[in-house]
Protein backbone atom coordinates (compact mmCIF):
# COMPACT_ATOMS: atom_id res chain seq x y z
CA MET A 1 -62.32 33.23 -46.01
CA GLY A 2 -62.35 32.20 -42.56
CA SER A 3 -59.60 33.82 -39.88
CA ALA A 4 -56.68 31.71 -38.92
CA SER A 5 -57.24 30.21 -35.73
CA PRO A 6 -55.20 31.61 -32.73
CA ALA A 7 -52.00 29.96 -31.94
CA VAL A 8 -52.31 27.41 -29.61
CA GLN A 9 -50.44 28.32 -25.92
CA PRO A 10 -48.69 25.87 -24.51
CA THR A 11 -49.88 25.21 -21.12
CA VAL A 12 -46.88 25.76 -18.41
CA ALA A 13 -46.91 24.59 -15.09
CA PRO A 14 -46.51 27.22 -12.60
CA VAL A 15 -42.91 27.16 -10.96
CA PRO A 16 -43.28 26.65 -7.17
CA ALA A 17 -41.98 29.37 -4.67
CA MET A 18 -38.41 29.16 -3.85
CA GLN A 19 -38.34 27.29 -0.48
CA THR A 20 -35.88 28.72 2.28
CA GLY A 21 -33.15 26.30 3.20
CA PRO A 22 -33.46 24.19 6.75
CA GLU A 23 -32.65 26.02 9.77
CA LEU A 24 -30.91 23.29 11.47
CA ALA A 25 -28.81 20.93 10.15
CA VAL A 26 -27.71 17.25 12.44
CA VAL A 27 -24.92 15.93 11.27
CA VAL A 28 -24.28 12.25 12.17
CA PRO A 29 -20.96 10.47 11.49
CA THR A 30 -21.58 6.72 11.24
CA PHE A 31 -20.10 3.50 11.18
CA ASN A 32 -22.02 0.12 11.14
CA GLU A 33 -25.11 2.67 12.27
CA ALA A 34 -27.64 0.42 9.76
CA ALA A 35 -29.62 -1.15 12.59
CA ASN A 36 -29.94 2.58 14.31
CA VAL A 37 -30.31 5.25 11.64
CA GLY A 38 -34.05 4.33 10.67
CA GLN A 39 -35.03 4.77 14.61
CA LEU A 40 -33.05 7.76 14.63
CA VAL A 41 -34.58 9.28 11.53
CA ALA A 42 -38.12 8.87 13.35
CA LEU A 43 -36.74 9.92 16.25
CA LEU A 44 -35.72 13.02 14.73
CA GLY A 45 -38.97 13.67 13.07
CA ARG A 46 -41.00 13.90 16.56
CA ALA A 47 -38.10 15.94 18.15
CA LEU A 48 -38.10 18.54 15.44
CA ALA A 49 -41.75 19.07 14.62
CA GLY A 50 -42.44 22.70 13.70
CA ILE A 51 -38.66 23.10 12.74
CA GLU A 52 -37.32 23.02 9.17
CA TRP A 53 -34.11 20.49 9.52
CA GLU A 54 -32.41 18.62 7.55
CA LEU A 55 -30.03 15.08 8.68
CA ILE A 56 -26.56 14.61 7.14
CA VAL A 57 -25.41 11.12 7.55
CA VAL A 58 -21.80 11.05 6.64
CA ASP A 59 -20.77 7.46 6.41
CA ASP A 60 -16.99 5.93 5.94
CA ASP A 61 -18.09 2.96 3.77
CA SER A 62 -19.61 0.84 6.32
CA PRO A 63 -19.81 -2.71 5.37
CA ASP A 64 -23.09 -3.20 7.17
CA GLY A 65 -24.77 -1.17 4.69
CA THR A 66 -25.65 2.12 6.14
CA ALA A 67 -25.22 4.54 3.67
CA GLY A 68 -27.43 2.41 1.32
CA LEU A 69 -30.10 2.54 3.76
CA MET A 70 -29.87 6.04 4.45
CA ARG A 71 -30.01 6.37 0.34
CA GLU A 72 -33.12 4.26 0.61
CA LEU A 73 -35.11 6.65 3.04
CA ALA A 74 -33.98 9.69 1.37
CA ARG A 75 -35.57 8.55 -1.51
CA GLU A 76 -38.73 9.38 0.53
CA ASN A 77 -37.68 12.12 2.83
CA PRO A 78 -36.33 15.22 1.18
CA ARG A 79 -34.93 15.82 4.61
CA LEU A 80 -32.37 13.42 4.92
CA ARG A 81 -29.15 13.18 2.77
CA CYS A 82 -25.89 11.05 3.12
CA LEU A 83 -22.02 11.55 2.69
CA GLN A 84 -20.40 8.06 1.90
CA ARG A 85 -16.87 8.59 2.27
CA LEU A 86 -14.58 5.94 0.40
CA GLY A 87 -10.67 5.67 1.56
CA ARG A 88 -11.24 7.76 5.15
CA ARG A 89 -12.09 7.34 8.37
CA GLY A 90 -12.52 9.44 11.65
CA LEU A 91 -15.07 10.82 13.43
CA SER A 92 -13.86 14.23 13.46
CA SER A 93 -13.20 14.81 9.62
CA ALA A 94 -16.03 12.81 9.10
CA CYS A 95 -18.13 16.01 11.42
CA ILE A 96 -16.55 18.60 9.32
CA GLU A 97 -17.47 17.43 6.21
CA GLY A 98 -20.92 17.23 7.18
CA MET A 99 -20.88 20.63 8.86
CA LEU A 100 -19.32 22.23 5.01
CA ALA A 101 -22.18 20.03 3.48
CA THR A 102 -24.84 22.34 4.51
CA ALA A 103 -26.25 26.11 4.48
CA ALA A 104 -27.94 25.84 7.39
CA PRO A 105 -27.64 28.57 9.97
CA TYR A 106 -27.49 26.12 12.84
CA ILE A 107 -25.35 23.23 13.27
CA ALA A 108 -26.02 20.43 15.77
CA VAL A 109 -24.01 16.94 15.89
CA MET A 110 -24.60 14.15 17.40
CA ASP A 111 -23.98 10.34 17.08
CA GLY A 112 -25.79 7.71 15.38
CA ASP A 113 -25.82 4.93 18.35
CA LEU A 114 -29.29 6.71 19.89
CA GLN A 115 -27.00 7.52 23.13
CA HIS A 116 -27.48 11.18 22.87
CA ASP A 117 -31.33 12.59 23.85
CA GLU A 118 -32.50 14.12 20.38
CA ARG A 119 -35.33 16.01 22.56
CA LEU A 120 -32.69 18.42 23.54
CA LEU A 121 -32.34 19.74 19.86
CA PRO A 122 -35.19 22.23 19.98
CA ARG A 123 -34.00 23.76 23.68
CA MET A 124 -30.18 24.26 22.00
CA LEU A 125 -31.85 25.80 18.68
CA GLU A 126 -34.01 28.32 21.17
CA LEU A 127 -30.91 28.83 23.33
CA LEU A 128 -28.83 30.07 20.12
CA ARG A 129 -31.56 32.09 18.57
CA LYS A 130 -32.35 34.34 21.56
CA GLU A 131 -28.78 34.47 23.40
CA ALA A 132 -25.57 35.81 22.78
CA LEU A 133 -24.06 32.16 22.57
CA ASP A 134 -22.03 30.53 20.43
CA ILE A 135 -22.27 26.84 20.97
CA VAL A 136 -24.44 24.72 23.10
CA VAL A 137 -23.07 21.66 24.61
CA GLY A 138 -25.39 18.56 25.55
CA SER A 139 -23.56 17.64 29.06
CA ARG A 140 -23.37 14.56 31.11
CA TYR A 141 -22.10 16.81 34.05
CA VAL A 142 -23.80 19.61 34.91
CA SER A 143 -26.28 19.30 37.31
CA GLY A 144 -29.39 17.15 35.81
CA GLY A 145 -27.09 14.84 33.67
CA GLY A 146 -25.93 11.64 33.56
CA SER A 147 -23.65 8.93 32.03
CA ALA A 148 -25.86 5.92 32.80
CA GLY A 149 -25.06 4.49 29.26
CA LEU A 150 -21.22 4.36 29.79
CA ASP A 151 -20.25 1.11 31.37
CA GLU A 152 -17.50 1.84 34.28
CA THR A 153 -13.99 1.34 32.11
CA ARG A 154 -15.77 4.29 29.72
CA ALA A 155 -16.29 6.77 32.24
CA GLY A 156 -13.03 6.56 33.61
CA MET A 157 -11.60 6.83 30.44
CA SER A 158 -13.89 9.95 29.58
CA ARG A 159 -13.16 11.54 33.20
CA PHE A 160 -9.34 10.99 32.56
CA ALA A 161 -9.71 12.34 29.10
CA THR A 162 -11.26 15.32 30.22
CA ARG A 163 -8.37 15.97 32.94
CA LEU A 164 -5.94 15.70 30.24
CA SER A 165 -7.71 18.51 28.21
CA ARG A 166 -8.15 21.20 31.22
CA PRO A 167 -5.17 23.33 29.41
CA LEU A 168 -6.76 23.48 26.36
CA ILE A 169 -10.59 24.47 27.61
CA PRO A 170 -12.01 27.44 29.01
CA ASP A 171 -13.19 27.73 32.33
CA GLY A 172 -16.27 26.21 33.79
CA LEU A 173 -16.68 23.60 30.35
CA GLN A 174 -17.50 20.30 32.43
CA ASP A 175 -18.12 18.03 29.05
CA PRO A 176 -15.70 19.04 26.84
CA MET A 177 -15.62 15.13 25.73
CA SER A 178 -19.02 15.50 24.72
CA GLY A 179 -19.90 14.13 21.27
CA PHE A 180 -23.35 16.42 21.22
CA PHE A 181 -23.49 20.10 20.87
CA MET A 182 -25.33 22.55 18.60
CA LEU A 183 -23.12 25.94 17.25
CA ARG A 184 -23.59 28.80 14.67
CA ARG A 185 -22.42 28.39 11.32
CA GLU A 186 -20.37 31.73 11.43
CA VAL A 187 -18.32 30.24 14.32
CA PHE A 188 -18.08 27.06 12.66
CA GLU A 189 -16.41 28.95 9.58
CA ALA A 190 -14.29 30.75 11.77
CA THR A 191 -12.78 27.88 13.15
CA VAL A 192 -12.97 25.40 10.27
CA ARG A 193 -9.40 25.85 9.27
CA ARG A 194 -7.80 26.11 12.28
CA LEU A 195 -9.25 22.44 12.83
CA SER A 196 -7.03 19.52 13.69
CA GLY A 197 -9.77 16.88 12.50
CA ILE A 198 -7.84 14.01 14.35
CA GLY A 199 -9.71 11.38 15.92
CA PHE A 200 -13.20 11.65 17.74
CA LYS A 201 -13.49 14.74 19.97
CA ILE A 202 -14.66 17.49 17.65
CA LEU A 203 -15.61 19.50 20.22
CA LEU A 204 -12.27 19.61 21.91
CA ASP A 205 -10.84 20.63 18.55
CA ILE A 206 -13.59 23.25 18.09
CA PHE A 207 -13.43 25.09 21.85
CA ALA A 208 -9.25 24.74 21.35
CA SER A 209 -8.81 25.98 17.78
CA ALA A 210 -11.61 28.97 17.74
CA PRO A 211 -9.79 32.29 17.15
CA GLN A 212 -11.65 33.69 20.13
CA PRO A 213 -12.99 32.64 23.71
CA LEU A 214 -16.16 30.54 22.83
CA ARG A 215 -19.12 31.90 24.56
CA PHE A 216 -20.98 28.54 25.46
CA ARG A 217 -23.89 26.93 27.61
CA GLU A 218 -24.67 23.44 28.96
CA LEU A 219 -27.71 21.38 29.01
CA PRO A 220 -27.80 18.56 31.05
CA TYR A 221 -29.20 15.07 29.34
CA GLU A 222 -28.67 11.48 30.56
CA PHE A 223 -26.48 9.83 28.30
CA ARG A 224 -28.76 6.74 27.28
CA SER A 225 -27.45 2.78 26.51
CA ARG A 226 -26.25 2.12 22.78
CA GLY A 227 -29.35 1.43 20.46
CA ALA A 228 -27.30 -1.27 18.84
CA GLY A 229 -23.92 -2.48 17.15
CA GLU A 230 -20.87 -2.21 19.31
CA SER A 231 -18.90 0.92 21.01
CA LYS A 232 -15.74 2.64 18.54
CA LEU A 233 -13.89 3.64 21.19
CA ASP A 234 -10.57 1.07 21.19
CA SER A 235 -7.00 1.69 21.87
CA GLN A 236 -6.44 3.28 18.68
CA ALA A 237 -9.17 5.81 19.58
CA MET A 238 -6.88 7.07 22.47
CA TRP A 239 -3.95 7.30 20.68
CA ASP A 240 -5.91 9.49 18.57
CA TYR A 241 -6.74 11.55 21.38
CA GLY A 242 -3.09 12.24 22.57
CA MET A 243 -2.27 13.31 19.30
CA LEU A 244 -5.32 15.76 19.10
CA LEU A 245 -3.95 17.13 22.38
CA LEU A 246 -0.33 17.04 21.05
CA ASP A 247 -1.29 18.73 17.79
CA LYS A 248 -3.44 21.23 19.54
CA LEU A 249 -0.33 22.07 21.97
CA VAL A 250 2.44 22.40 19.65
CA GLY A 251 0.96 21.44 16.21
CA ARG A 252 1.83 25.15 15.27
CA TRP A 253 5.56 24.12 15.06
CA VAL A 254 5.81 20.54 14.81
CA PRO A 255 2.88 18.34 13.26
CA ALA A 256 1.28 15.77 15.24
CA ARG A 257 1.56 13.11 12.35
CA PHE A 258 5.08 13.79 12.73
CA VAL A 259 5.54 12.87 15.91
CA SER A 260 3.65 9.96 15.24
CA PHE A 261 5.97 8.72 12.80
CA LEU A 262 9.10 9.16 14.89
CA LEU A 263 7.47 7.23 17.76
CA VAL A 264 6.92 4.78 15.48
CA GLY A 265 10.06 4.67 14.34
CA SER A 266 11.36 4.06 17.79
CA VAL A 267 9.69 1.19 17.77
CA GLY A 268 11.08 0.24 14.63
CA VAL A 269 14.71 0.60 16.41
CA LEU A 270 14.17 -1.61 19.08
CA VAL A 271 12.32 -3.98 16.44
CA HIS A 272 15.71 -3.90 14.79
CA MET A 273 18.04 -4.97 17.64
CA SER A 274 16.17 -7.57 18.50
CA VAL A 275 16.26 -9.38 15.41
CA LEU A 276 19.81 -8.41 15.12
CA ALA A 277 20.72 -9.78 18.64
CA VAL A 278 18.49 -13.14 17.73
CA LEU A 279 20.04 -13.95 14.12
CA LEU A 280 23.57 -12.69 15.02
CA ASN A 281 24.15 -14.33 18.96
CA LEU A 282 21.84 -17.21 18.75
CA ALA A 283 21.03 -18.32 15.15
CA GLY A 284 24.72 -17.66 14.66
CA GLN A 285 24.08 -15.86 11.05
CA SER A 286 26.99 -13.37 10.04
CA PHE A 287 26.97 -9.72 10.64
CA LEU A 288 25.81 -8.70 6.98
CA PHE A 289 22.86 -10.94 6.64
CA SER A 290 21.53 -10.40 10.45
CA GLN A 291 21.98 -6.21 9.75
CA ALA A 292 19.79 -6.69 6.44
CA THR A 293 17.04 -8.85 7.20
CA ALA A 294 17.01 -6.64 10.82
CA THR A 295 16.62 -3.67 8.52
CA ILE A 296 13.70 -5.31 6.17
CA VAL A 297 11.74 -6.25 9.63
CA ALA A 298 12.13 -2.79 11.21
CA MET A 299 11.17 -1.19 7.85
CA THR A 300 8.27 -3.30 7.57
CA SER A 301 6.84 -2.94 10.94
CA ASN A 302 7.65 0.57 10.81
CA PHE A 303 5.07 0.44 7.62
CA VAL A 304 2.81 -1.69 9.55
CA LEU A 305 2.14 0.70 12.30
CA ASN A 306 2.10 4.11 10.42
CA ASN A 307 -0.72 2.06 8.16
CA LEU A 308 -2.26 1.29 11.46
CA ILE A 309 -1.60 4.40 13.44
CA THR A 310 -0.38 7.30 11.95
CA TYR A 311 -1.75 7.14 8.29
CA ARG A 312 -5.30 5.60 10.15
CA ASP A 313 -7.36 8.13 7.85
CA LEU A 314 -5.16 6.70 4.79
CA ARG A 315 -5.02 3.07 5.49
CA LEU A 316 -4.02 1.42 2.74
CA ARG A 317 -5.77 -2.17 1.82
CA GLY A 318 -5.30 -4.86 -0.95
CA TRP A 319 -3.23 -4.20 -3.50
CA ALA A 320 -2.49 -0.58 -2.33
CA LEU A 321 -1.01 -2.51 0.93
CA LEU A 322 1.68 -3.84 -1.37
CA ARG A 323 2.66 -0.97 -3.52
CA GLY A 324 2.54 1.39 -0.42
CA TRP A 325 5.08 -1.09 1.35
CA LEU A 326 7.48 -1.17 -1.58
CA SER A 327 7.67 2.63 -1.96
CA PHE A 328 8.24 2.80 2.04
CA VAL A 329 11.23 0.33 1.97
CA LEU A 330 12.32 2.76 -1.26
CA ALA A 331 11.92 5.61 0.41
CA CYS A 332 13.52 4.86 3.66
CA SER A 333 16.15 3.20 1.80
CA ILE A 334 16.78 6.58 0.55
CA GLY A 335 16.86 8.39 3.61
CA ALA A 336 18.83 5.64 5.70
CA VAL A 337 21.90 6.77 3.01
CA ALA A 338 20.59 10.65 3.47
CA ASN A 339 20.91 9.50 7.03
CA VAL A 340 24.50 8.33 7.05
CA GLY A 341 25.95 10.97 4.28
CA VAL A 342 24.63 14.12 6.61
CA ALA A 343 26.14 12.68 10.23
CA ASN A 344 29.36 11.54 8.32
CA TYR A 345 29.95 15.28 6.74
CA LEU A 346 29.37 16.97 9.93
CA PHE A 347 31.56 14.61 11.97
CA GLU A 348 34.68 15.42 9.41
CA GLN A 349 34.02 18.92 9.97
CA ARG A 350 34.77 18.28 13.79
CA THR A 351 30.99 18.25 14.96
CA GLY A 352 30.85 16.13 17.98
CA TRP A 353 29.78 12.36 17.05
CA ALA A 354 26.39 12.49 19.20
CA LEU A 355 25.70 15.72 17.45
CA ALA A 356 26.34 14.63 14.27
CA GLY A 357 24.42 11.39 14.87
CA LEU A 358 21.42 13.17 15.64
CA ALA A 359 21.85 15.41 12.58
CA GLY A 360 21.42 12.38 10.60
CA ILE A 361 18.64 10.95 12.16
CA LEU A 362 16.96 14.27 11.76
CA VAL A 363 17.34 14.40 7.98
CA GLY A 364 16.57 11.12 7.63
CA ALA A 365 13.51 10.89 9.66
CA VAL A 366 12.19 14.35 8.02
CA TRP A 367 12.96 12.79 4.43
CA ASN A 368 11.14 9.74 5.16
CA TYR A 369 7.81 11.27 6.65
CA VAL A 370 7.37 13.72 3.70
CA VAL A 371 8.16 11.24 1.03
CA THR A 372 6.09 8.30 2.61
CA LEU A 373 3.26 11.03 2.98
CA VAL A 374 3.31 12.09 -0.46
CA TYR A 375 4.18 8.94 -2.00
CA THR A 376 3.16 5.84 -0.11
CA TRP A 377 0.00 6.56 1.74
CA ARG A 378 -1.00 9.54 -0.44
CA GLY A 379 0.02 8.20 -3.71
CA ALA A 380 -0.11 4.07 -3.36
CA ALA A 381 -4.37 5.01 -2.74
CA ARG A 382 -4.98 6.64 -5.60
């Protein structure tokens, strides 16, 4: 009787040794940069040869297909990742999400329009490796730097914005408006919960929010002309910048978004009074009709402006816009009742009419702000 055949041992492919993660993550916020991201990947590949790196593109659902193109590139290059955000907008918040998505010990932020000089990245990394620095900033305004890629209008706006930021930044920082920098992960982690995430000046936000003064170095570079597409700097961006400054100065007491809500409300008062005057005095309508119409027009004006400005990052579109308008009008109607009720009660308690009126306005404004934030912009977008 022959001996039993030995059991056949399955062939198991050897498990490859665990690779260490990238040392450097380059975070690039994008909106309509499909014409530039392919070239950016190639430029980074050349500049970062010999360095373990990854690219994290955070795209705000660009209609030009930036996210789809990045996914195609990522199928052939494992260094590339794309985070596509739906229903959210804003450069600073995109940078924050990108930085949170990596485990790399060093994180760089740069634009996707090819205006930042990627060849500076190895030098930034070398300084952070070898010196006691928290952050290295690519600067247009130190000796050897330049801003040839800025037109005269943008250059003037940049200088003005820099002057406004002086109370919030350390002495010696020449280019707080720079969007090109590299920092240590532990510095970001210590700061991230303090960040406002408003607008497009994430570097200023980091310096103004850090729990301890940051040790920094600025390296000169020449700000290049945009590769393709159009600049995102507009009047809305400047408003966001003003809100960022306000948030850093008084945000611990009054949310900057609430201040924006109040400013929009003041515009609504002007709209209301203008419509009332026209209908009552020029069109000959009754006071009841004129007041009711002015109220609806003012509420609609406030809703549109808040959707465009105050809640830009939560902006409603399509059917959500209609649902949001209905909930906004309902909330503000209740707020108006609260306004009148509180003011009338205080007046009957012998409070001066002006103080009673202001108290009613404040109660109504706080109600409108809180309820519309929760149910109009965060609720209608669901």
